[in-house]
């Protein structure tokens, strides 16, 4: 759900932030991490897929009515029996 999406985004950010924290300014790792973090943030901002995932997490589809759920279950209403 929403927590999973936020956690994943946070993990990616933390990776770049740690690279900058543990490598001094001017170091190529620090510089690449800063640049890639900027690219990542722009992509997250633009990403329709992330927006859809967050929307699904915040607004899950309603559960089907009990009769529809029973019919869709293996061996439910209308299922073929025997062989």
N, C-alpha and C. Protein backbone atom coordinates (compact mmCIF):
# COMPACT_ATOMS: atom_id res chain seq x y z
N UNK A 1 0.81 -1.17 0.00
CA UNK A 1 0.00 0.00 0.00
C UNK A 1 0.86 1.25 0.00
N UNK A 2 0.27 2.30 0.48
CA UNK A 2 0.95 3.59 0.50
C UNK A 2 2.26 3.53 1.26
N UNK A 3 2.26 2.84 2.39
CA UNK A 3 3.49 2.74 3.20
C UNK A 3 4.61 2.08 2.41
N UNK A 4 4.29 1.05 1.64
CA UNK A 4 5.29 0.36 0.85
C UNK A 4 5.91 1.26 -0.21
N UNK A 5 5.06 2.05 -0.87
CA UNK A 5 5.56 2.98 -1.89
C UNK A 5 6.44 4.03 -1.24
N UNK A 6 5.96 4.61 -0.14
CA UNK A 6 6.75 5.64 0.55
C UNK A 6 8.07 5.06 1.08
N UNK A 7 8.01 3.83 1.59
CA UNK A 7 9.22 3.19 2.11
C UNK A 7 10.24 2.97 1.01
N UNK A 8 9.78 2.51 -0.14
CA UNK A 8 10.68 2.28 -1.27
C UNK A 8 11.33 3.58 -1.72
N UNK A 9 10.52 4.64 -1.87
CA UNK A 9 11.06 5.94 -2.28
C UNK A 9 12.07 6.44 -1.25
N UNK A 10 11.76 6.26 0.03
CA UNK A 10 12.67 6.67 1.09
C UNK A 10 13.97 5.90 1.06
N UNK A 11 13.89 4.61 0.77
CA UNK A 11 15.11 3.79 0.70
C UNK A 11 16.03 4.26 -0.42
N UNK A 12 15.44 4.59 -1.56
CA UNK A 12 16.26 5.07 -2.68
C UNK A 12 16.91 6.40 -2.31
N UNK A 13 16.12 7.30 -1.73
CA UNK A 13 16.69 8.59 -1.32
C UNK A 13 17.82 8.39 -0.31
N UNK A 14 17.60 7.51 0.66
CA UNK A 14 18.59 7.25 1.71
C UNK A 14 19.89 6.72 1.11
N UNK A 15 19.79 5.92 0.08
CA UNK A 15 20.99 5.39 -0.57
C UNK A 15 21.86 6.53 -1.11
N UNK A 16 21.22 7.45 -1.83
CA UNK A 16 21.97 8.59 -2.37
C UNK A 16 22.48 9.50 -1.26
N UNK A 17 21.63 9.74 -0.25
CA UNK A 17 22.04 10.60 0.86
C UNK A 17 23.23 10.01 1.61
N UNK A 18 23.22 8.70 1.83
CA UNK A 18 24.35 8.05 2.49
C UNK A 18 25.62 8.15 1.66
N UNK A 19 25.49 8.01 0.35
CA UNK A 19 26.66 8.13 -0.52
C UNK A 19 27.27 9.52 -0.40
N UNK A 20 26.39 10.53 -0.26
CA UNK A 20 26.90 11.90 -0.10
C UNK A 20 27.46 12.12 1.31
N UNK A 21 26.84 11.49 2.31
CA UNK A 21 27.29 11.65 3.69
C UNK A 21 28.67 11.02 3.90
N UNK A 22 28.89 9.84 3.36
CA UNK A 22 30.12 9.10 3.63
C UNK A 22 31.22 9.32 2.59
N UNK A 23 30.96 10.14 1.59
CA UNK A 23 31.98 10.51 0.61
C UNK A 23 32.04 12.03 0.56
N UNK A 24 33.21 12.60 0.73
CA UNK A 24 33.32 14.06 0.84
C UNK A 24 32.94 14.77 -0.46
N UNK A 25 32.48 16.03 -0.30
CA UNK A 25 32.21 16.84 -1.48
C UNK A 25 33.45 16.88 -2.35
N UNK A 26 33.22 16.83 -3.65
CA UNK A 26 34.34 16.80 -4.58
C UNK A 26 34.68 15.39 -5.01
N UNK A 27 34.37 14.40 -4.19
CA UNK A 27 34.59 13.00 -4.54
C UNK A 27 33.59 12.61 -5.63
N UNK A 28 34.03 11.79 -6.57
CA UNK A 28 33.15 11.43 -7.68
C UNK A 28 31.89 10.70 -7.20
N UNK A 29 32.00 9.87 -6.16
CA UNK A 29 30.82 9.17 -5.63
C UNK A 29 29.81 10.19 -5.08
N UNK A 30 30.30 11.15 -4.34
CA UNK A 30 29.42 12.21 -3.79
C UNK A 30 28.74 12.97 -4.93
N UNK A 31 29.53 13.34 -5.92
CA UNK A 31 28.99 14.12 -7.04
C UNK A 31 27.94 13.33 -7.83
N UNK A 32 28.23 12.07 -8.10
CA UNK A 32 27.27 11.23 -8.82
C UNK A 32 25.99 11.03 -8.01
N UNK A 33 26.14 10.81 -6.72
CA UNK A 33 24.97 10.61 -5.86
C UNK A 33 24.09 11.85 -5.86
N UNK A 34 24.69 13.03 -5.76
CA UNK A 34 23.92 14.28 -5.77
C UNK A 34 23.18 14.43 -7.09
N UNK A 35 23.88 14.16 -8.19
CA UNK A 35 23.27 14.29 -9.51
C UNK A 35 22.13 13.27 -9.69
N UNK A 36 22.40 12.02 -9.30
CA UNK A 36 21.38 10.98 -9.47
C UNK A 36 20.17 11.19 -8.55
N UNK A 37 20.39 11.72 -7.37
CA UNK A 37 19.28 12.04 -6.48
C UNK A 37 18.38 13.09 -7.14
N UNK A 38 18.98 14.07 -7.77
CA UNK A 38 18.19 15.09 -8.49
C UNK A 38 17.39 14.48 -9.62
N UNK A 39 18.01 13.59 -10.38
CA UNK A 39 17.30 12.92 -11.48
C UNK A 39 16.16 12.07 -10.92
N UNK A 40 16.43 11.33 -9.85
CA UNK A 40 15.42 10.49 -9.22
C UNK A 40 14.22 11.33 -8.78
N UNK A 41 14.49 12.45 -8.10
CA UNK A 41 13.39 13.29 -7.61
C UNK A 41 12.55 13.84 -8.76
N UNK A 42 13.20 14.24 -9.85
CA UNK A 42 12.45 14.73 -11.02
C UNK A 42 11.58 13.62 -11.61
N UNK A 43 12.12 12.41 -11.68
CA UNK A 43 11.36 11.29 -12.24
C UNK A 43 10.18 10.93 -11.34
N UNK A 44 10.39 10.95 -10.04
CA UNK A 44 9.29 10.66 -9.10
C UNK A 44 8.19 11.70 -9.28
N UNK A 45 8.60 12.94 -9.39
CA UNK A 45 7.64 14.04 -9.56
C UNK A 45 6.80 13.85 -10.82
N UNK A 46 7.43 13.37 -11.87
CA UNK A 46 6.76 13.22 -13.17
C UNK A 46 6.06 11.87 -13.35
N UNK A 47 6.36 10.92 -12.50
CA UNK A 47 5.94 9.54 -12.74
C UNK A 47 4.45 9.32 -12.52
N UNK A 48 3.77 9.02 -13.59
CA UNK A 48 2.35 8.66 -13.49
C UNK A 48 2.19 7.31 -12.79
N UNK A 49 3.14 6.40 -12.99
CA UNK A 49 3.05 5.07 -12.37
C UNK A 49 3.09 5.19 -10.85
N UNK A 50 3.96 6.04 -10.33
CA UNK A 50 4.04 6.23 -8.87
C UNK A 50 2.77 6.89 -8.37
N UNK A 51 2.27 7.87 -9.12
CA UNK A 51 1.02 8.53 -8.72
C UNK A 51 -0.13 7.53 -8.70
N UNK A 52 -0.18 6.64 -9.71
CA UNK A 52 -1.25 5.62 -9.73
C UNK A 52 -1.10 4.66 -8.57
N UNK A 53 0.14 4.25 -8.25
CA UNK A 53 0.36 3.33 -7.13
C UNK A 53 -0.07 3.98 -5.82
N UNK A 54 0.26 5.24 -5.64
CA UNK A 54 -0.15 5.95 -4.42
C UNK A 54 -1.66 6.08 -4.38
N UNK A 55 -2.28 6.36 -5.53
CA UNK A 55 -3.73 6.50 -5.57
C UNK A 55 -4.41 5.17 -5.23
N UNK A 56 -3.87 4.06 -5.78
CA UNK A 56 -4.43 2.74 -5.46
C UNK A 56 -4.26 2.42 -3.99
N UNK A 57 -3.13 2.81 -3.41
CA UNK A 57 -2.88 2.53 -2.00
C UNK A 57 -3.83 3.35 -1.12
N UNK A 58 -4.08 4.58 -1.52
CA UNK A 58 -4.94 5.45 -0.72
C UNK A 58 -6.43 5.19 -0.97
N UNK A 59 -6.75 4.70 -2.17
CA UNK A 59 -8.16 4.49 -2.55
C UNK A 59 -8.33 3.10 -3.17
N UNK A 60 -8.21 2.05 -2.36
CA UNK A 60 -8.34 0.70 -2.93
C UNK A 60 -9.75 0.50 -3.49
N UNK A 61 -9.87 -0.37 -4.52
CA UNK A 61 -11.20 -0.61 -5.09
C UNK A 61 -12.09 -1.29 -4.04
N UNK A 62 -13.39 -1.05 -4.13
CA UNK A 62 -14.29 -1.68 -3.16
C UNK A 62 -14.28 -3.20 -3.31
N UNK A 63 -14.54 -3.87 -2.22
CA UNK A 63 -14.60 -5.34 -2.25
C UNK A 63 -15.83 -5.76 -3.05
N UNK A 64 -15.72 -6.87 -3.80
CA UNK A 64 -16.89 -7.33 -4.56
C UNK A 64 -17.99 -7.80 -3.60
N UNK A 65 -19.23 -7.77 -4.05
CA UNK A 65 -20.30 -8.27 -3.20
C UNK A 65 -20.07 -9.75 -2.90
N UNK A 66 -20.57 -10.24 -1.78
CA UNK A 66 -20.31 -11.64 -1.39
C UNK A 66 -20.66 -12.65 -2.47
N UNK A 67 -21.75 -12.48 -3.20
CA UNK A 67 -22.13 -13.44 -4.24
C UNK A 67 -21.10 -13.49 -5.36
N UNK A 68 -20.58 -12.32 -5.75
CA UNK A 68 -19.57 -12.27 -6.82
C UNK A 68 -18.27 -12.92 -6.35
N UNK A 69 -17.91 -12.70 -5.10
CA UNK A 69 -16.70 -13.29 -4.56
C UNK A 69 -16.82 -14.81 -4.51
N UNK A 70 -17.98 -15.33 -4.14
CA UNK A 70 -18.19 -16.78 -4.08
C UNK A 70 -18.13 -17.39 -5.47
N UNK A 71 -18.68 -16.71 -6.46
CA UNK A 71 -18.67 -17.22 -7.83
C UNK A 71 -17.26 -17.23 -8.41
N UNK A 72 -16.43 -16.28 -8.00
CA UNK A 72 -15.08 -16.18 -8.53
C UNK A 72 -14.12 -17.16 -7.82
N UNK A 73 -14.49 -17.64 -6.66
CA UNK A 73 -13.61 -18.53 -5.90
C UNK A 73 -13.52 -19.89 -6.59
N UNK A 74 -12.36 -20.56 -6.51
CA UNK A 74 -12.23 -21.90 -7.08
C UNK A 74 -13.31 -22.81 -6.48
N UNK A 75 -14.02 -23.50 -7.36
CA UNK A 75 -15.08 -24.39 -6.89
C UNK A 75 -16.35 -23.65 -6.53
N UNK A 76 -16.40 -22.36 -6.86
CA UNK A 76 -17.57 -21.55 -6.52
C UNK A 76 -18.71 -21.81 -7.50
N UNK A 77 -19.73 -21.00 -7.43
CA UNK A 77 -20.92 -21.12 -8.26
C UNK A 77 -20.49 -21.17 -9.73
N UNK A 78 -20.99 -22.13 -10.47
CA UNK A 78 -20.69 -22.23 -11.88
C UNK A 78 -19.40 -22.94 -12.21
N UNK A 79 -18.66 -23.38 -11.22
CA UNK A 79 -17.39 -24.08 -11.48
C UNK A 79 -17.70 -25.49 -11.99
N UNK A 80 -16.85 -25.96 -12.88
CA UNK A 80 -17.04 -27.32 -13.40
C UNK A 80 -16.58 -28.31 -12.36
N UNK A 81 -17.30 -29.34 -12.22
CA UNK A 81 -16.97 -30.37 -11.26
C UNK A 81 -16.62 -31.67 -12.01
N UNK A 82 -15.75 -32.43 -11.38
CA UNK A 82 -15.42 -33.73 -11.97
C UNK A 82 -14.53 -33.58 -13.18
N UNK A 83 -14.36 -34.64 -13.91
CA UNK A 83 -13.42 -34.54 -15.00
C UNK A 83 -13.88 -35.18 -16.17
